[in-house]
Amino acid sequence: MLRQWRTLRATSQMKLSLDTGISQRYISFIESGRSTPTRETLMSVVEALDVPLRERNSLLLAAGYAPVFSEGRWNAAEMQTLTRAIERTLRQHEPFPAVVMDRYWDVLLTNDSAPRFFNAFMDLSSRPTPRNLLDLLFDPLGMRPFILNWETLARSLLQRVQRESVGRVVDERTRQLLTRLREYPQVKPEPVSHIAPVSPVIGYSFRWREHALNYFSMVTTVGSPSAVAAQEMRIECMFPADTATEELHSTVIATCRE
């Protein structure tokens, strides 16, 4: 398992030895099964390889140790302090949409404005829960008909699913998500070799009645997480990209479907 992560990170045993202070010979013995690392040694190695918390637990179990990082749900008791802080962040972002998603873009929490905004375009209640933000945007029966910058946005989001995956690893469920998104009509992903650098923001342009609404979106993750759910959370906040959109936004929210 360590060899797989080292290969994934394109890290030699020598470099890993220099990064951790553990001898290259001992790292080789661990990978070949000739030595069992102590918990402290193993934690040093996975930290150097930037292994996601969920996979660190798996490595600990494989080495015969109990998992260190909680794998409870995002709304578990031990997550209450973080959850309250995130809820406050969502409220402070009113009247603009803000959502909290898991690693697969399933929506966990929203502020009041998020569903009101989407309901101005479609009947959000017809969508199954948990709602997936990407399905909502890609589906021709969802937000897709109202997106003006569709080709640019679709390409950007597909790239982000891959590049923003937890630990920069596209797992099986992420591959299934990508496959599902590419099966929607009018999705034209570029070859990997043609993928452009990721912008720090995501631009959305929507058609609402005769108006164009322009927003940019910023995605925030939890710094120094100590639980799996915390590491896999992302908070996406939409901001008006111009004065006209900012002035019209309150009207859009006011006319949403109940």
Protein backbone atom coordinates (compact mmCIF):
# COMPACT_ATOMS: atom_id res chain seq x y z
CA MET A 1 0.00 0.00 0.00
CA LEU A 2 2.84 2.40 0.82
CA ARG A 3 4.55 1.55 -2.46
CA GLN A 4 1.34 2.42 -4.31
CA TRP A 5 1.15 5.80 -2.61
CA ARG A 6 4.83 6.47 -3.19
CA THR A 7 4.39 5.64 -6.88
CA LEU A 8 1.29 7.82 -7.07
CA ARG A 9 3.23 10.74 -5.62
CA ALA A 10 6.18 10.05 -7.96
CA THR A 11 8.45 9.83 -4.91
CA SER A 12 11.54 7.62 -4.75
CA GLN A 13 12.55 5.74 -1.62
CA MET A 14 15.56 8.05 -1.41
CA LYS A 15 13.43 11.19 -1.47
CA LEU A 16 11.00 9.74 1.04
CA SER A 17 13.97 8.93 3.27
CA LEU A 18 15.20 12.52 3.04
CA ASP A 19 11.69 13.88 3.75
CA THR A 20 11.11 11.70 6.81
CA GLY A 21 14.56 11.01 8.26
CA ILE A 22 13.86 7.28 7.97
CA SER A 23 16.56 5.22 6.28
CA GLN A 24 15.95 4.16 2.69
CA ARG A 25 16.77 0.57 3.69
CA TYR A 26 14.06 0.55 6.37
CA ILE A 27 11.51 2.03 3.93
CA SER A 28 12.41 -0.77 1.51
CA PHE A 29 11.93 -3.34 4.28
CA ILE A 30 8.49 -1.89 5.13
CA GLU A 31 7.36 -2.00 1.50
CA SER A 32 8.59 -5.57 1.03
CA GLY A 33 6.93 -6.74 4.24
CA ARG A 34 10.22 -7.61 5.94
CA SER A 35 9.61 -5.02 8.69
CA THR A 36 6.49 -3.71 10.42
CA PRO A 37 6.73 0.04 11.07
CA THR A 38 5.89 1.57 14.41
CA ARG A 39 2.83 3.78 14.50
CA GLU A 40 5.06 6.87 14.68
CA THR A 41 7.12 5.78 11.67
CA LEU A 42 4.01 5.03 9.64
CA MET A 43 2.46 8.40 10.49
CA SER A 44 5.66 10.17 9.39
CA VAL A 45 5.58 8.38 6.06
CA VAL A 46 1.91 9.03 5.28
CA GLU A 47 2.32 12.68 6.25
CA ALA A 48 5.24 13.03 3.83
CA LEU A 49 3.19 11.35 1.08
CA ASP A 50 0.14 13.53 1.81
CA VAL A 51 -2.10 10.48 2.13
CA PRO A 52 -5.76 11.45 2.79
CA LEU A 53 -7.08 10.76 6.28
CA ARG A 54 -9.46 7.98 5.24
CA GLU A 55 -6.62 6.11 3.52
CA ARG A 56 -4.31 6.74 6.51
CA ASN A 57 -6.77 4.79 8.64
CA SER A 58 -6.62 1.94 6.12
CA LEU A 59 -2.83 1.92 6.28
CA LEU A 60 -2.88 1.89 10.07
CA LEU A 61 -5.23 -1.09 10.07
CA ALA A 62 -3.03 -2.90 7.56
CA ALA A 63 -0.07 -2.40 9.90
CA GLY A 64 -2.06 -3.72 12.88
CA TYR A 65 -2.92 -0.40 14.55
CA ALA A 66 -6.25 1.17 15.41
CA PRO A 67 -7.43 4.03 13.17
CA VAL A 68 -6.57 7.50 14.42
CA PHE A 69 -8.98 9.68 12.46
CA SER A 70 -12.71 9.68 13.12
CA GLU A 71 -14.79 8.41 10.21
CA GLY A 72 -18.10 9.63 11.66
CA ARG A 73 -20.64 11.50 9.56
CA TRP A 74 -20.28 15.23 8.94
CA ASN A 75 -23.05 15.93 11.49
CA ALA A 76 -21.71 13.57 14.17
CA ALA A 77 -21.35 14.82 17.74
CA GLU A 78 -17.59 15.27 17.48
CA MET A 79 -18.12 17.51 14.44
CA GLN A 80 -20.52 19.94 16.15
CA THR A 81 -17.98 22.71 16.72
CA LEU A 82 -16.94 22.69 13.08
CA THR A 83 -20.52 22.32 11.86
CA ARG A 84 -21.65 25.35 13.87
CA ALA A 85 -18.78 27.40 12.44
CA ILE A 86 -19.72 26.35 8.90
CA GLU A 87 -23.41 27.14 9.50
CA ARG A 88 -22.40 30.61 10.67
CA THR A 89 -20.31 31.05 7.51
CA LEU A 90 -23.31 30.09 5.39
CA ARG A 91 -25.56 32.57 7.17
CA GLN A 92 -23.01 35.37 6.82
CA HIS A 93 -22.98 34.84 3.05
CA GLU A 94 -26.66 35.75 2.67
CA PRO A 95 -28.27 36.87 0.38
CA PHE A 96 -25.99 34.98 -2.00
CA PRO A 97 -25.99 31.17 -2.42
CA ALA A 98 -23.60 29.04 -0.39
CA VAL A 99 -23.49 25.25 -0.11
CA VAL A 100 -21.44 22.62 1.71
CA MET A 101 -20.60 19.46 -0.25
CA ASP A 102 -18.85 16.19 0.41
CA ARG A 103 -16.00 14.84 -1.72
CA TYR A 104 -18.46 13.69 -4.40
CA TRP A 105 -20.27 17.06 -4.67
CA ASP A 106 -23.36 15.83 -2.81
CA VAL A 107 -24.90 18.78 -0.96
CA LEU A 108 -24.84 18.48 2.84
CA LEU A 109 -25.87 21.98 3.93
CA THR A 110 -26.98 25.24 2.34
CA ASN A 111 -27.90 28.72 3.45
CA ASP A 112 -31.46 29.94 2.82
CA SER A 113 -30.52 31.71 -0.41
CA ALA A 114 -29.15 28.67 -2.25
CA PRO A 115 -32.44 26.76 -2.73
CA ARG A 116 -34.29 30.03 -3.35
CA PHE A 117 -31.85 30.89 -6.12
CA PHE A 118 -32.14 27.52 -7.87
CA ASN A 119 -35.92 27.57 -7.48
CA ALA A 120 -35.99 30.77 -9.53
CA PHE A 121 -35.00 28.60 -12.50
CA MET A 122 -36.47 25.17 -11.78
CA ASP A 123 -38.47 23.11 -9.31
CA LEU A 124 -35.78 22.04 -6.88
CA SER A 125 -38.22 19.85 -4.94
CA SER A 126 -38.35 17.46 -7.91
CA ARG A 127 -34.69 16.56 -7.40
CA PRO A 128 -33.83 13.56 -5.18
CA THR A 129 -31.79 14.12 -2.05
CA PRO A 130 -28.96 14.28 -1.36
CA ARG A 131 -28.76 16.61 -4.33
CA ASN A 132 -25.56 16.54 -6.31
CA LEU A 133 -24.48 20.01 -7.40
CA LEU A 134 -22.83 18.77 -10.59
CA ASP A 135 -25.87 16.75 -11.65
CA LEU A 136 -27.97 19.83 -10.98
CA LEU A 137 -25.79 21.88 -13.35
CA PHE A 138 -25.25 19.25 -16.08
CA ASP A 139 -28.81 17.90 -16.31
CA PRO A 140 -30.90 19.33 -19.22
CA LEU A 141 -33.88 19.10 -16.85
CA GLY A 142 -32.00 21.09 -14.22
CA MET A 143 -29.90 24.25 -14.57
CA ARG A 144 -28.27 23.35 -17.88
CA PRO A 145 -30.72 25.30 -20.15
CA PHE A 146 -30.08 28.49 -18.16
CA ILE A 147 -26.26 28.41 -18.30
CA LEU A 148 -24.87 30.85 -20.88
CA ASN A 149 -21.21 29.84 -20.64
CA TRP A 150 -21.97 26.13 -20.83
CA GLU A 151 -18.96 24.76 -22.73
CA THR A 152 -16.43 26.70 -20.66
CA LEU A 153 -18.15 25.86 -17.38
CA ALA A 154 -18.58 22.15 -18.16
CA ARG A 155 -14.92 21.81 -19.10
CA SER A 156 -13.80 23.67 -15.98
CA LEU A 157 -15.97 21.57 -13.66
CA LEU A 158 -14.84 18.26 -15.16
CA GLN A 159 -11.23 19.31 -14.64
CA ARG A 160 -11.98 20.32 -11.06
CA VAL A 161 -13.58 16.98 -10.21
CA GLN A 162 -10.24 15.39 -11.04
CA ARG A 163 -7.86 17.99 -9.66
CA GLU A 164 -9.78 18.76 -6.47
CA SER A 165 -10.38 15.12 -5.54
CA VAL A 166 -9.30 14.40 -1.98
CA GLY A 167 -5.59 13.72 -1.88
CA ARG A 168 -5.49 14.32 -5.65
CA VAL A 169 -6.70 10.75 -6.11
CA VAL A 170 -9.55 9.83 -8.45
CA ASP A 171 -11.17 6.89 -6.66
CA GLU A 172 -13.79 4.56 -8.09
CA ARG A 173 -16.78 6.65 -7.02
CA THR A 174 -15.19 9.77 -8.51
CA ARG A 175 -14.64 7.89 -11.78
CA GLN A 176 -18.32 6.92 -11.74
CA LEU A 177 -19.27 10.56 -11.20
CA LEU A 178 -17.10 11.66 -14.14
CA THR A 179 -18.61 8.97 -16.36
CA ARG A 180 -22.12 10.03 -15.43
CA LEU A 181 -21.40 13.69 -16.14
CA ARG A 182 -19.84 12.93 -19.53
CA GLU A 183 -22.97 11.02 -20.53
CA TYR A 184 -25.09 14.17 -20.35
CA PRO A 185 -25.76 15.79 -23.75
CA GLN A 186 -23.48 18.55 -25.02
CA VAL A 187 -20.59 17.57 -22.76
CA LYS A 188 -17.31 17.78 -24.67
CA PRO A 189 -14.40 17.13 -22.31
CA GLU A 190 -10.98 18.06 -23.65
CA PRO A 191 -8.16 15.50 -23.82
CA VAL A 192 -6.09 15.43 -20.64
CA SER A 193 -3.10 16.82 -22.57
CA HIS A 194 -5.13 19.91 -23.44
CA ILE A 195 -6.30 20.70 -19.92
CA ALA A 196 -5.51 24.30 -19.07
CA PRO A 197 -4.35 25.53 -15.64
CA VAL A 198 -7.19 25.75 -13.13
CA SER A 199 -8.48 29.21 -12.36
CA PRO A 200 -8.76 30.08 -8.64
CA VAL A 201 -12.46 30.84 -9.20
CA ILE A 202 -15.34 29.31 -11.17
CA GLY A 203 -17.37 31.66 -13.38
CA TYR A 204 -21.11 31.09 -13.84
CA SER A 205 -23.33 32.98 -16.30
CA PHE A 206 -27.07 32.32 -16.08
CA ARG A 207 -29.97 33.46 -18.24
CA TRP A 208 -32.87 34.66 -16.11
CA ARG A 209 -35.75 35.99 -18.19
CA GLU A 210 -34.11 38.57 -20.49
CA HIS A 211 -31.17 39.16 -18.15
CA ALA A 212 -27.69 37.69 -17.87
CA LEU A 213 -26.58 36.98 -14.31
CA ASN A 214 -22.85 36.63 -13.78
CA TYR A 215 -21.35 35.08 -10.66
CA PHE A 216 -18.02 33.70 -9.58
CA SER A 217 -17.66 30.89 -7.10
CA MET A 218 -14.93 30.26 -4.55
CA VAL A 219 -14.41 26.87 -2.92
CA THR A 220 -13.04 26.61 0.62
CA THR A 221 -11.81 23.51 2.43
CA VAL A 222 -11.17 22.92 6.13
CA GLY A 223 -7.59 23.63 7.16
CA SER A 224 -5.72 21.01 9.22
CA PRO A 225 -8.68 18.61 9.53
CA SER A 226 -8.59 15.94 12.22
CA ALA A 227 -11.59 13.94 10.99
CA VAL A 228 -12.25 12.29 7.64
CA ALA A 229 -15.53 14.12 7.07
CA ALA A 230 -13.88 17.47 7.77
CA GLN A 231 -11.15 16.84 5.20
CA GLU A 232 -13.72 15.82 2.59
CA MET A 233 -15.95 18.89 3.08
CA ARG A 234 -15.88 21.85 0.72
CA ILE A 235 -17.79 25.11 1.04
CA GLU A 236 -18.77 26.81 -2.22
CA CYS A 237 -19.87 30.44 -2.09
CA MET A 238 -21.26 32.36 -5.08
CA PHE A 239 -20.60 36.09 -5.47
CA PRO A 240 -22.02 38.54 -8.04
CA ALA A 241 -19.38 39.28 -10.67
CA ASP A 242 -20.71 42.70 -11.64
CA THR A 243 -22.89 45.52 -10.32
CA ALA A 244 -25.87 44.65 -12.53
CA THR A 245 -26.00 41.10 -11.17
CA GLU A 246 -25.63 42.30 -7.59
CA GLU A 247 -28.54 44.73 -8.03
CA LEU A 248 -30.79 42.16 -9.74
CA HIS A 249 -29.99 39.27 -7.41
CA SER A 250 -32.53 40.23 -4.73
CA THR A 251 -35.27 40.28 -7.39
CA VAL A 252 -34.31 36.80 -8.54
CA ILE A 253 -34.48 35.48 -4.99
CA ALA A 254 -37.83 37.17 -4.39
CA THR A 255 -39.47 35.51 -7.40
CA CYS A 256 -38.36 31.94 -6.66
CA ARG A 257 -40.83 29.11 -6.53
CA GLU A 258 -42.14 28.38 -3.05
